[in-house]
Amino acid sequence: MRAVVQRVKTASVEINGRTVGKIDQGLLILLGIGEQDSKKDVEYMANKIMNLRIFSDNQDLMNLSLLDTEGSALVVSQFTLWGDCRKGRRPSFAKAARPENAKMLYEDFVKKLKDSNIPTETGKFQEMMDVHLINDGPVTLILDSDRIF
């Protein structure tokens, strides 16, 4: 499982000009599910992301997590995080999970955040979306449940 996590002042997702998810201060999470991913990856990534100390404390040091700040999460499915661009000019998405599996794990990830009392909004799985954000910092991190980076 891979994620691009962005600390945001605000973020929203639109489909055909209609807002389907919107948050104020918190995290925009672009989430990509790989073919080998399981509930174990969901558990690891959800816990890792909600506990990342990337929000400023009163001394302007990154010491607070999403849980500490009571911020929100906007989770957007992003299979292109599994694009392999090492060969040729067209990315290969062979290692991305099949849609049926990916949707189930995506929904499990969202549920894990909600069950942890994080206000969570989403985009819509397998839809073309316009994502708007004001990146705070900017702070942007890339995570992988296999910990390859």
Protein backbone atom coordinates (compact mmCIF):
# COMPACT_ATOMS: atom_id res chain seq x y z
CA MET A 1 0.00 0.00 0.00
CA ARG A 2 1.30 3.42 -0.89
CA ALA A 3 0.21 6.86 0.16
CA VAL A 4 1.07 10.44 -0.57
CA VAL A 5 0.17 12.37 2.57
CA GLN A 6 -0.17 16.13 2.41
CA ARG A 7 -0.75 18.40 5.38
CA VAL A 8 -3.47 20.80 4.25
CA LYS A 9 -5.26 23.93 5.36
CA THR A 10 -8.20 22.80 3.23
CA ALA A 11 -8.87 20.15 0.59
CA SER A 12 -11.81 19.01 -1.47
CA VAL A 13 -12.77 16.57 -4.21
CA GLU A 14 -15.18 17.34 -7.04
CA ILE A 15 -16.80 15.01 -9.53
CA ASN A 16 -18.46 16.67 -12.52
CA GLY A 17 -18.36 20.03 -10.75
CA ARG A 18 -20.04 18.71 -7.57
CA THR A 19 -18.12 18.58 -4.27
CA VAL A 20 -18.21 15.04 -2.83
CA GLY A 21 -15.68 15.47 -0.01
CA LYS A 22 -14.23 18.49 1.79
CA ILE A 23 -12.09 19.09 4.87
CA ASP A 24 -10.43 21.98 6.60
CA GLN A 25 -7.15 21.51 8.51
CA GLY A 26 -5.86 17.95 8.31
CA LEU A 27 -4.44 15.48 5.83
CA LEU A 28 -5.13 14.77 2.19
CA ILE A 29 -4.27 11.10 1.69
CA LEU A 30 -3.83 9.80 -1.85
CA LEU A 31 -4.02 6.02 -1.33
CA GLY A 32 -2.84 3.37 -3.77
CA ILE A 33 -3.53 -0.32 -3.20
CA GLY A 34 -1.10 -2.91 -4.54
CA GLU A 35 -1.88 -6.44 -5.69
CA GLN A 36 -0.15 -7.97 -2.64
CA ASP A 37 -1.82 -5.71 -0.06
CA SER A 38 -3.97 -7.09 2.76
CA LYS A 39 -5.74 -5.98 5.93
CA LYS A 40 -2.30 -6.01 7.59
CA ASP A 41 -1.24 -3.20 5.24
CA VAL A 42 -4.44 -1.28 6.01
CA GLU A 43 -3.75 -1.54 9.74
CA TYR A 44 -0.13 -0.44 9.38
CA MET A 45 -0.83 2.51 7.06
CA ALA A 46 -3.84 3.83 8.96
CA ASN A 47 -1.97 3.72 12.27
CA LYS A 48 1.17 5.21 10.76
CA ILE A 49 -0.65 8.09 9.07
CA MET A 50 -2.92 9.07 11.95
CA ASN A 51 0.04 9.06 14.35
CA LEU A 52 2.59 10.87 12.14
CA ARG A 53 3.87 13.86 14.08
CA ILE A 54 3.75 16.39 11.26
CA PHE A 55 1.64 19.17 12.76
CA SER A 56 3.20 22.10 14.58
CA ASP A 57 3.04 22.46 18.34
CA ASN A 58 3.03 25.82 20.17
CA GLN A 59 6.80 26.10 19.59
CA ASP A 60 6.32 25.62 15.83
CA LEU A 61 7.95 22.16 15.92
CA MET A 62 6.39 19.18 14.13
CA ASN A 63 5.40 17.26 17.25
CA LEU A 64 1.66 16.70 16.87
CA SER A 65 -0.30 14.04 14.99
CA LEU A 66 -3.67 14.11 13.28
CA LEU A 67 -5.09 12.52 16.42
CA ASP A 68 -3.50 15.22 18.63
CA THR A 69 -4.84 18.10 16.54
CA GLU A 70 -8.29 16.60 15.99
CA GLY A 71 -7.83 17.32 12.31
CA SER A 72 -9.70 15.70 9.45
CA ALA A 73 -8.71 13.34 6.65
CA LEU A 74 -9.68 13.37 2.99
CA VAL A 75 -8.88 9.99 1.42
CA VAL A 76 -8.70 9.71 -2.35
CA SER A 77 -8.13 6.44 -4.20
CA GLN A 78 -5.02 6.75 -6.39
CA PHE A 79 -4.05 3.57 -8.26
CA THR A 80 -1.47 5.52 -10.26
CA LEU A 81 0.82 5.44 -7.22
CA TRP A 82 1.60 1.92 -8.43
CA GLY A 83 2.68 3.15 -11.87
CA ASP A 84 6.08 1.71 -12.78
CA CYS A 85 7.90 4.19 -15.02
CA ARG A 86 11.27 2.45 -15.17
CA LYS A 87 10.82 1.09 -18.71
CA GLY A 88 9.58 2.87 -21.78
CA ARG A 89 7.38 5.93 -21.77
CA ARG A 90 4.07 4.51 -20.60
CA PRO A 91 3.66 3.54 -16.94
CA SER A 92 2.81 -0.07 -16.16
CA PHE A 93 0.10 -0.58 -13.57
CA ALA A 94 0.57 -4.35 -13.39
CA LYS A 95 1.28 -4.25 -9.64
CA ALA A 96 -1.84 -2.25 -8.76
CA ALA A 97 -4.61 -4.25 -7.11
CA ARG A 98 -7.63 -5.33 -9.14
CA PRO A 99 -10.54 -2.92 -8.54
CA GLU A 100 -12.60 -5.38 -6.46
CA ASN A 101 -9.75 -5.97 -3.97
CA ALA A 102 -8.61 -2.36 -4.01
CA LYS A 103 -12.08 -1.04 -3.21
CA MET A 104 -12.47 -3.38 -0.24
CA LEU A 105 -9.09 -2.38 1.25
CA TYR A 106 -9.70 1.31 0.50
CA GLU A 107 -13.00 1.13 2.39
CA ASP A 108 -11.30 -0.73 5.27
CA PHE A 109 -8.70 2.06 5.47
CA VAL A 110 -11.41 4.74 5.59
CA LYS A 111 -13.31 2.77 8.26
CA LYS A 112 -10.15 2.45 10.37
CA LEU A 113 -9.73 6.24 10.38
CA LYS A 114 -13.40 6.81 11.19
CA ASP A 115 -13.31 4.20 13.97
CA SER A 116 -10.39 6.18 15.45
CA ASN A 117 -12.66 9.26 15.66
CA ILE A 118 -10.97 11.07 12.79
CA PRO A 119 -13.51 13.04 10.75
CA THR A 120 -12.98 11.46 7.33
CA GLU A 121 -14.24 12.42 3.89
CA THR A 122 -13.55 10.59 0.64
CA GLY A 123 -13.54 10.89 -3.08
CA LYS A 124 -15.37 8.23 -5.09
CA PHE A 125 -13.61 5.01 -5.99
CA GLN A 126 -12.85 4.57 -9.74
CA GLU A 127 -14.13 8.02 -10.70
CA MET A 128 -12.34 10.86 -12.42
CA MET A 129 -11.96 13.52 -9.74
CA ASP A 130 -10.71 17.07 -9.41
CA VAL A 131 -8.74 17.40 -6.19
CA HIS A 132 -8.22 20.88 -4.74
CA LEU A 133 -5.94 21.66 -1.83
CA ILE A 134 -4.00 24.31 -0.02
CA ASN A 135 -0.88 22.51 1.11
CA ASP A 136 0.22 23.64 4.57
CA GLY A 137 3.97 24.11 4.74
CA PRO A 138 4.17 22.52 2.23
CA VAL A 139 4.43 19.20 4.03
CA THR A 140 4.20 16.19 1.72
CA LEU A 141 5.31 12.64 2.58
CA ILE A 142 5.39 9.37 0.68
CA LEU A 143 4.70 6.15 2.59
CA ASP A 144 4.79 2.49 1.64
CA SER A 145 3.53 -0.34 3.83
CA ASP A 146 6.48 -2.50 2.71
CA ARG A 147 8.71 0.28 4.03
CA ILE A 148 10.77 0.43 0.83
CA PHE A 149 11.09 4.19 1.32
